[in-house]
Each structure stands twice: as structure tokens, then as C-alpha cells.
Amino acid sequence: MAAFWSVRQPQAKGAPMLDPHGALICTMMLVSAADRDMAETELKIIGDIVGDLPVFRDFDRQRLRGVLEECSRLLGGDNGLDEALKSIRKALPAKLRETAYAIACDVAAADGEASQEELRVLELIRHRLEIEQLIAAGIERGAKARFQTL
């Protein structure tokens, strides 16, 4: 099984490179950490997504905590958000970019309301992953519908 971080040649600025699973998880973490409050509901939905979605079928869930810690270290570096977005974009095949945006929207919707910071991070993710506006609107509406409560 591939490691979350792989060694890249040449090693530029000491920044590690994400694999696709790590990129998807890091995308969710960006949204959860956007308001500096990683709510328990958001952390639970990240775990649920990793446990349920087909894209994570061959992912070892025991690696999740380590992946989140590595993503946290990436975010803590110089230009952390920008570097994380670059790494995510580089690691994701085109066919998983909409998936990344969708699961990021699910995390934002998980606690019932997206903060302004979360909305801004979603916008940055959408632009970096080149998600068309109409497609993004559909993904966002789907997330809102999935997390509605009575």
C-alpha cells in the first residue's frame, strides 16, 4: 500500500507530496479547519466518508489519524493553505476533483451551517481544482440536501 506521503524527486522546499487518498482527506480537513474549530461532527463525517465511499475501499482506515496529522503539518508551514491546495491539485487525477469538492462540501454541511471561513476555503478549492460553477452549485446543493434536519 502506498504511503500517504511519498518521496518526490527532487525534493522542493522539503514539502511532501500527497497521494490521491491523502489529497481527498486533506481537502476535507482544509474545510474542517477553516474556522479554526474542527467540530466533532466534522471529524465524524470525515471518518464516515472514509469508511463508506468507494474511492476509499482500498484505504487502510488505521492510517486516517496519521494522514490528518501530516495534513496539519502541511497547513502549519509557510503558505500552508496555498501549498496544501497545490499538493492536492497535483495528487488528484482529474476524475477525482469533483469527488474532492463534493466531500469538502459534505464536511462544511455536516454541522448544519457553513461558516464564512469554510465558504471561502470551498471557493479556493473550487478554483484550484477547476470545478465549473454550475457543477459546483449542483454539488453544493446536494450536500445541503443530504444534511438537512427536521
C-alpha atoms as a PDB file:
ATOM      1  CA  MET A   1       0.000   0.000   0.000  1.00  0.00           C
ATOM      2  CA  ALA A   2       1.298   3.448  -0.911  1.00  0.00           C
ATOM      3  CA  ALA A   3       2.256   5.786   1.877  1.00  0.00           C
ATOM      4  CA  PHE A   4       0.282   8.972   2.405  1.00  0.00           C
ATOM      5  CA  TRP A   5       3.399  10.963   1.662  1.00  0.00           C
ATOM      6  CA  SER A   6       5.755   9.794  -1.000  1.00  0.00           C
ATOM      7  CA  VAL A   7       9.278  10.984  -1.563  1.00  0.00           C
ATOM      8  CA  ARG A   8       9.448  13.210  -4.565  1.00  0.00           C
ATOM      9  CA  GLN A   9      12.452  13.828  -6.711  1.00  0.00           C
ATOM     10  CA  PRO A  10      13.812  16.404  -6.500  1.00  0.00           C
ATOM     11  CA  GLN A  11      12.623  17.414  -3.068  1.00  0.00           C
ATOM     12  CA  ALA A  12      11.482  21.015  -3.451  1.00  0.00           C
ATOM     13  CA  LYS A  13      11.339  23.150  -0.297  1.00  0.00           C
ATOM     14  CA  GLY A  14      11.084  19.974   1.781  1.00  0.00           C
ATOM     15  CA  ALA A  15       7.343  19.764   1.076  1.00  0.00           C
ATOM     16  CA  PRO A  16       5.958  16.246   0.992  1.00  0.00           C
ATOM     17  CA  MET A  17       3.758  15.052  -1.846  1.00  0.00           C
ATOM     18  CA  LEU A  18       0.240  13.703  -1.288  1.00  0.00           C
ATOM     19  CA  ASP A  19      -1.168  10.513  -2.743  1.00  0.00           C
ATOM     20  CA  PRO A  20      -4.800  10.563  -4.010  1.00  0.00           C
ATOM     21  CA  HIS A  21      -6.287   9.260  -0.740  1.00  0.00           C
ATOM     22  CA  GLY A  22      -4.254  11.761   1.246  1.00  0.00           C
ATOM     23  CA  ALA A  23      -5.338  14.562  -1.084  1.00  0.00           C
ATOM     24  CA  LEU A  24      -9.013  13.707  -0.612  1.00  0.00           C
ATOM     25  CA  ILE A  25      -8.623  13.568   3.160  1.00  0.00           C
ATOM     26  CA  CYS A  26      -6.585  16.771   3.238  1.00  0.00           C
ATOM     27  CA  THR A  27      -9.291  18.509   1.187  1.00  0.00           C
ATOM     28  CA  MET A  28     -11.845  17.597   3.845  1.00  0.00           C
ATOM     29  CA  MET A  29      -9.510  18.724   6.609  1.00  0.00           C
ATOM     30  CA  LEU A  30      -8.970  22.121   4.955  1.00  0.00           C
ATOM     31  CA  VAL A  31     -12.678  22.814   5.227  1.00  0.00           C
ATOM     32  CA  SER A  32     -12.957  21.478   8.757  1.00  0.00           C
ATOM     33  CA  ALA A  33     -10.002  23.568   9.948  1.00  0.00           C
ATOM     34  CA  ALA A  34     -11.037  26.712   8.053  1.00  0.00           C
ATOM     35  CA  ASP A  35     -12.763  28.307  11.034  1.00  0.00           C
ATOM     36  CA  ARG A  36     -10.049  27.062  13.418  1.00  0.00           C
ATOM     37  CA  ASP A  37     -12.648  24.847  15.080  1.00  0.00           C
ATOM     38  CA  MET A  38     -12.600  21.241  13.903  1.00  0.00           C
ATOM     39  CA  ALA A  39     -16.042  20.316  15.195  1.00  0.00           C
ATOM     40  CA  GLU A  40     -16.689  16.768  16.361  1.00  0.00           C
ATOM     41  CA  THR A  41     -19.454  16.445  13.752  1.00  0.00           C
ATOM     42  CA  GLU A  42     -16.967  17.368  11.022  1.00  0.00           C
ATOM     43  CA  LEU A  43     -14.368  14.876  12.242  1.00  0.00           C
ATOM     44  CA  LYS A  44     -17.052  12.195  12.423  1.00  0.00           C
ATOM     45  CA  ILE A  45     -18.202  12.871   8.861  1.00  0.00           C
ATOM     46  CA  ILE A  46     -14.602  12.636   7.637  1.00  0.00           C
ATOM     47  CA  GLY A  47     -14.349   9.205   9.265  1.00  0.00           C
ATOM     48  CA  ASP A  48     -17.736   8.188   7.854  1.00  0.00           C
ATOM     49  CA  ILE A  49     -16.785   9.310   4.343  1.00  0.00           C
ATOM     50  CA  VAL A  50     -13.511   7.394   4.504  1.00  0.00           C
ATOM     51  CA  GLY A  51     -15.400   4.335   5.741  1.00  0.00           C
ATOM     52  CA  ASP A  52     -18.241   4.488   3.223  1.00  0.00           C
ATOM     53  CA  LEU A  53     -17.192   5.881  -0.156  1.00  0.00           C
ATOM     54  CA  PRO A  54     -15.954   3.507  -2.859  1.00  0.00           C
ATOM     55  CA  VAL A  55     -12.934   5.722  -3.558  1.00  0.00           C
ATOM     56  CA  PHE A  56     -11.598   4.759  -0.106  1.00  0.00           C
ATOM     57  CA  ARG A  57     -12.231   0.999  -0.453  1.00  0.00           C
ATOM     58  CA  ASP A  58      -8.522   0.154  -0.504  1.00  0.00           C
ATOM     59  CA  PHE A  59      -7.549   2.779   2.086  1.00  0.00           C
ATOM     60  CA  ASP A  60      -6.405   1.457   5.462  1.00  0.00           C
ATOM     61  CA  ARG A  61      -8.574   3.381   7.943  1.00  0.00           C
ATOM     62  CA  GLN A  62      -5.911   2.919  10.600  1.00  0.00           C
ATOM     63  CA  ARG A  63      -3.868   5.450   8.604  1.00  0.00           C
ATOM     64  CA  LEU A  64      -6.516   8.175   8.964  1.00  0.00           C
ATOM     65  CA  ARG A  65      -5.115   9.770  12.129  1.00  0.00           C
ATOM     66  CA  GLY A  66      -1.607   9.880  10.646  1.00  0.00           C
ATOM     67  CA  VAL A  67      -2.926  11.366   7.416  1.00  0.00           C
ATOM     68  CA  LEU A  68      -4.744  14.097   9.350  1.00  0.00           C
ATOM     69  CA  GLU A  69      -1.581  14.828  11.361  1.00  0.00           C
ATOM     70  CA  GLU A  70       0.520  15.085   8.191  1.00  0.00           C
ATOM     71  CA  CYS A  71      -2.032  17.401   6.603  1.00  0.00           C
ATOM     72  CA  SER A  72      -1.962  19.527   9.743  1.00  0.00           C
ATOM     73  CA  ARG A  73       1.821  19.807   9.466  1.00  0.00           C
ATOM     74  CA  LEU A  74       1.497  20.818   5.811  1.00  0.00           C
ATOM     75  CA  LEU A  75      -1.014  23.523   6.725  1.00  0.00           C
ATOM     76  CA  GLY A  76       1.242  24.768   9.519  1.00  0.00           C
ATOM     77  CA  GLY A  77       4.095  25.526   7.136  1.00  0.00           C
ATOM     78  CA  ASP A  78       4.859  28.729   5.265  1.00  0.00           C
ATOM     79  CA  ASN A  79       1.986  29.484   2.867  1.00  0.00           C
ATOM     80  CA  GLY A  80       0.325  26.370   4.274  1.00  0.00           C
ATOM     81  CA  LEU A  81      -3.077  26.754   2.628  1.00  0.00           C
ATOM     82  CA  ASP A  82      -1.629  27.548  -0.779  1.00  0.00           C
ATOM     83  CA  GLU A  83       0.897  24.707  -0.547  1.00  0.00           C
ATOM     84  CA  ALA A  84      -1.825  22.289   0.556  1.00  0.00           C
ATOM     85  CA  LEU A  85      -4.026  23.305  -2.378  1.00  0.00           C
ATOM     86  CA  LYS A  86      -1.119  22.867  -4.793  1.00  0.00           C
ATOM     87  CA  SER A  87      -0.344  19.432  -3.367  1.00  0.00           C
ATOM     88  CA  ILE A  88      -3.996  18.394  -3.524  1.00  0.00           C
ATOM     89  CA  ARG A  89      -4.321  19.514  -7.138  1.00  0.00           C
ATOM     90  CA  LYS A  90      -1.138  17.693  -8.108  1.00  0.00           C
ATOM     91  CA  ALA A  91      -2.118  14.446  -6.363  1.00  0.00           C
ATOM     92  CA  LEU A  92      -5.672  14.169  -7.657  1.00  0.00           C
ATOM     93  CA  PRO A  93      -6.418  12.648 -11.035  1.00  0.00           C
ATOM     94  CA  ALA A  94      -8.931  14.782 -12.964  1.00  0.00           C
ATOM     95  CA  LYS A  95     -11.694  12.237 -12.369  1.00  0.00           C
ATOM     96  CA  LEU A  96     -11.437  12.739  -8.582  1.00  0.00           C
ATOM     97  CA  ARG A  97     -11.528  16.543  -8.493  1.00  0.00           C
ATOM     98  CA  GLU A  98     -15.321  16.726  -8.329  1.00  0.00           C
ATOM     99  CA  THR A  99     -15.247  13.977  -5.700  1.00  0.00           C
ATOM    100  CA  ALA A 100     -12.828  16.063  -3.627  1.00  0.00           C
ATOM    101  CA  TYR A 101     -15.081  19.101  -3.891  1.00  0.00           C
ATOM    102  CA  ALA A 102     -18.179  17.056  -3.039  1.00  0.00           C
ATOM    103  CA  ILE A 103     -16.692  15.579   0.121  1.00  0.00           C
ATOM    104  CA  ALA A 104     -15.362  19.004   1.128  1.00  0.00           C
ATOM    105  CA  CYS A 105     -18.928  20.344   0.799  1.00  0.00           C
ATOM    106  CA  ASP A 106     -20.202  17.441   2.900  1.00  0.00           C
ATOM    107  CA  VAL A 107     -17.802  18.374   5.694  1.00  0.00           C
ATOM    108  CA  ALA A 108     -18.915  22.016   5.544  1.00  0.00           C
ATOM    109  CA  ALA A 109     -22.578  20.952   5.710  1.00  0.00           C
ATOM    110  CA  ALA A 110     -22.083  18.345   8.453  1.00  0.00           C
ATOM    111  CA  ASP A 111     -22.672  20.635  11.416  1.00  0.00           C
ATOM    112  CA  GLY A 112     -25.699  22.319   9.868  1.00  0.00           C
ATOM    113  CA  GLU A 113     -24.174  25.588   8.781  1.00  0.00           C
ATOM    114  CA  ALA A 114     -21.066  26.585   6.873  1.00  0.00           C
ATOM    115  CA  SER A 115     -19.062  29.457   8.341  1.00  0.00           C
ATOM    116  CA  GLN A 116     -17.764  32.281   6.157  1.00  0.00           C
ATOM    117  CA  GLU A 117     -14.270  30.828   6.518  1.00  0.00           C
ATOM    118  CA  GLU A 118     -15.455  27.419   5.320  1.00  0.00           C
ATOM    119  CA  LEU A 119     -17.231  29.011   2.361  1.00  0.00           C
ATOM    120  CA  ARG A 120     -14.050  30.882   1.443  1.00  0.00           C
ATOM    121  CA  VAL A 121     -11.961  27.701   1.598  1.00  0.00           C
ATOM    122  CA  LEU A 122     -14.555  25.904  -0.545  1.00  0.00           C
ATOM    123  CA  GLU A 123     -14.245  28.712  -3.079  1.00  0.00           C
ATOM    124  CA  LEU A 124     -10.449  28.367  -3.106  1.00  0.00           C
ATOM    125  CA  ILE A 125     -10.741  24.595  -3.546  1.00  0.00           C
ATOM    126  CA  ARG A 126     -13.254  25.036  -6.370  1.00  0.00           C
ATOM    127  CA  HIS A 127     -10.964  27.425  -8.218  1.00  0.00           C
ATOM    128  CA  ARG A 128      -7.801  25.394  -7.650  1.00  0.00           C
ATOM    129  CA  LEU A 129      -9.481  22.180  -8.817  1.00  0.00           C
ATOM    130  CA  GLU A 130     -11.115  23.994 -11.746  1.00  0.00           C
ATOM    131  CA  ILE A 131     -14.649  22.923 -10.882  1.00  0.00           C
ATOM    132  CA  GLU A 132     -17.114  24.671 -13.198  1.00  0.00           C
ATOM    133  CA  GLN A 133     -19.523  26.989 -11.399  1.00  0.00           C
ATOM    134  CA  LEU A 134     -22.691  25.152 -12.466  1.00  0.00           C
ATOM    135  CA  ILE A 135     -21.245  21.796 -11.409  1.00  0.00           C
ATOM    136  CA  ALA A 136     -20.109  23.304  -8.101  1.00  0.00           C
ATOM    137  CA  ALA A 137     -23.604  24.691  -7.480  1.00  0.00           C
ATOM    138  CA  GLY A 138     -25.111  21.242  -8.009  1.00  0.00           C
ATOM    139  CA  ILE A 139     -22.579  19.636  -5.683  1.00  0.00           C
ATOM    140  CA  GLU A 140     -23.214  22.300  -3.028  1.00  0.00           C
ATOM    141  CA  ARG A 141     -26.993  21.897  -3.267  1.00  0.00           C
ATOM    142  CA  GLY A 142     -26.639  18.129  -2.971  1.00  0.00           C
ATOM    143  CA  ALA A 143     -24.568  18.492   0.204  1.00  0.00           C
ATOM    144  CA  LYS A 144     -27.113  20.879   1.685  1.00  0.00           C
ATOM    145  CA  ALA A 145     -29.947  18.457   0.885  1.00  0.00           C
ATOM    146  CA  ARG A 146     -28.095  15.460   2.383  1.00  0.00           C
ATOM    147  CA  PHE A 147     -27.521  17.213   5.692  1.00  0.00           C
ATOM    148  CA  GLN A 148     -30.969  18.795   6.189  1.00  0.00           C
ATOM    149  CA  THR A 149     -32.607  18.038   9.518  1.00  0.00           C
ATOM    150  CA  LEU A 150     -36.194  18.246  10.733  1.00  0.00           C
END
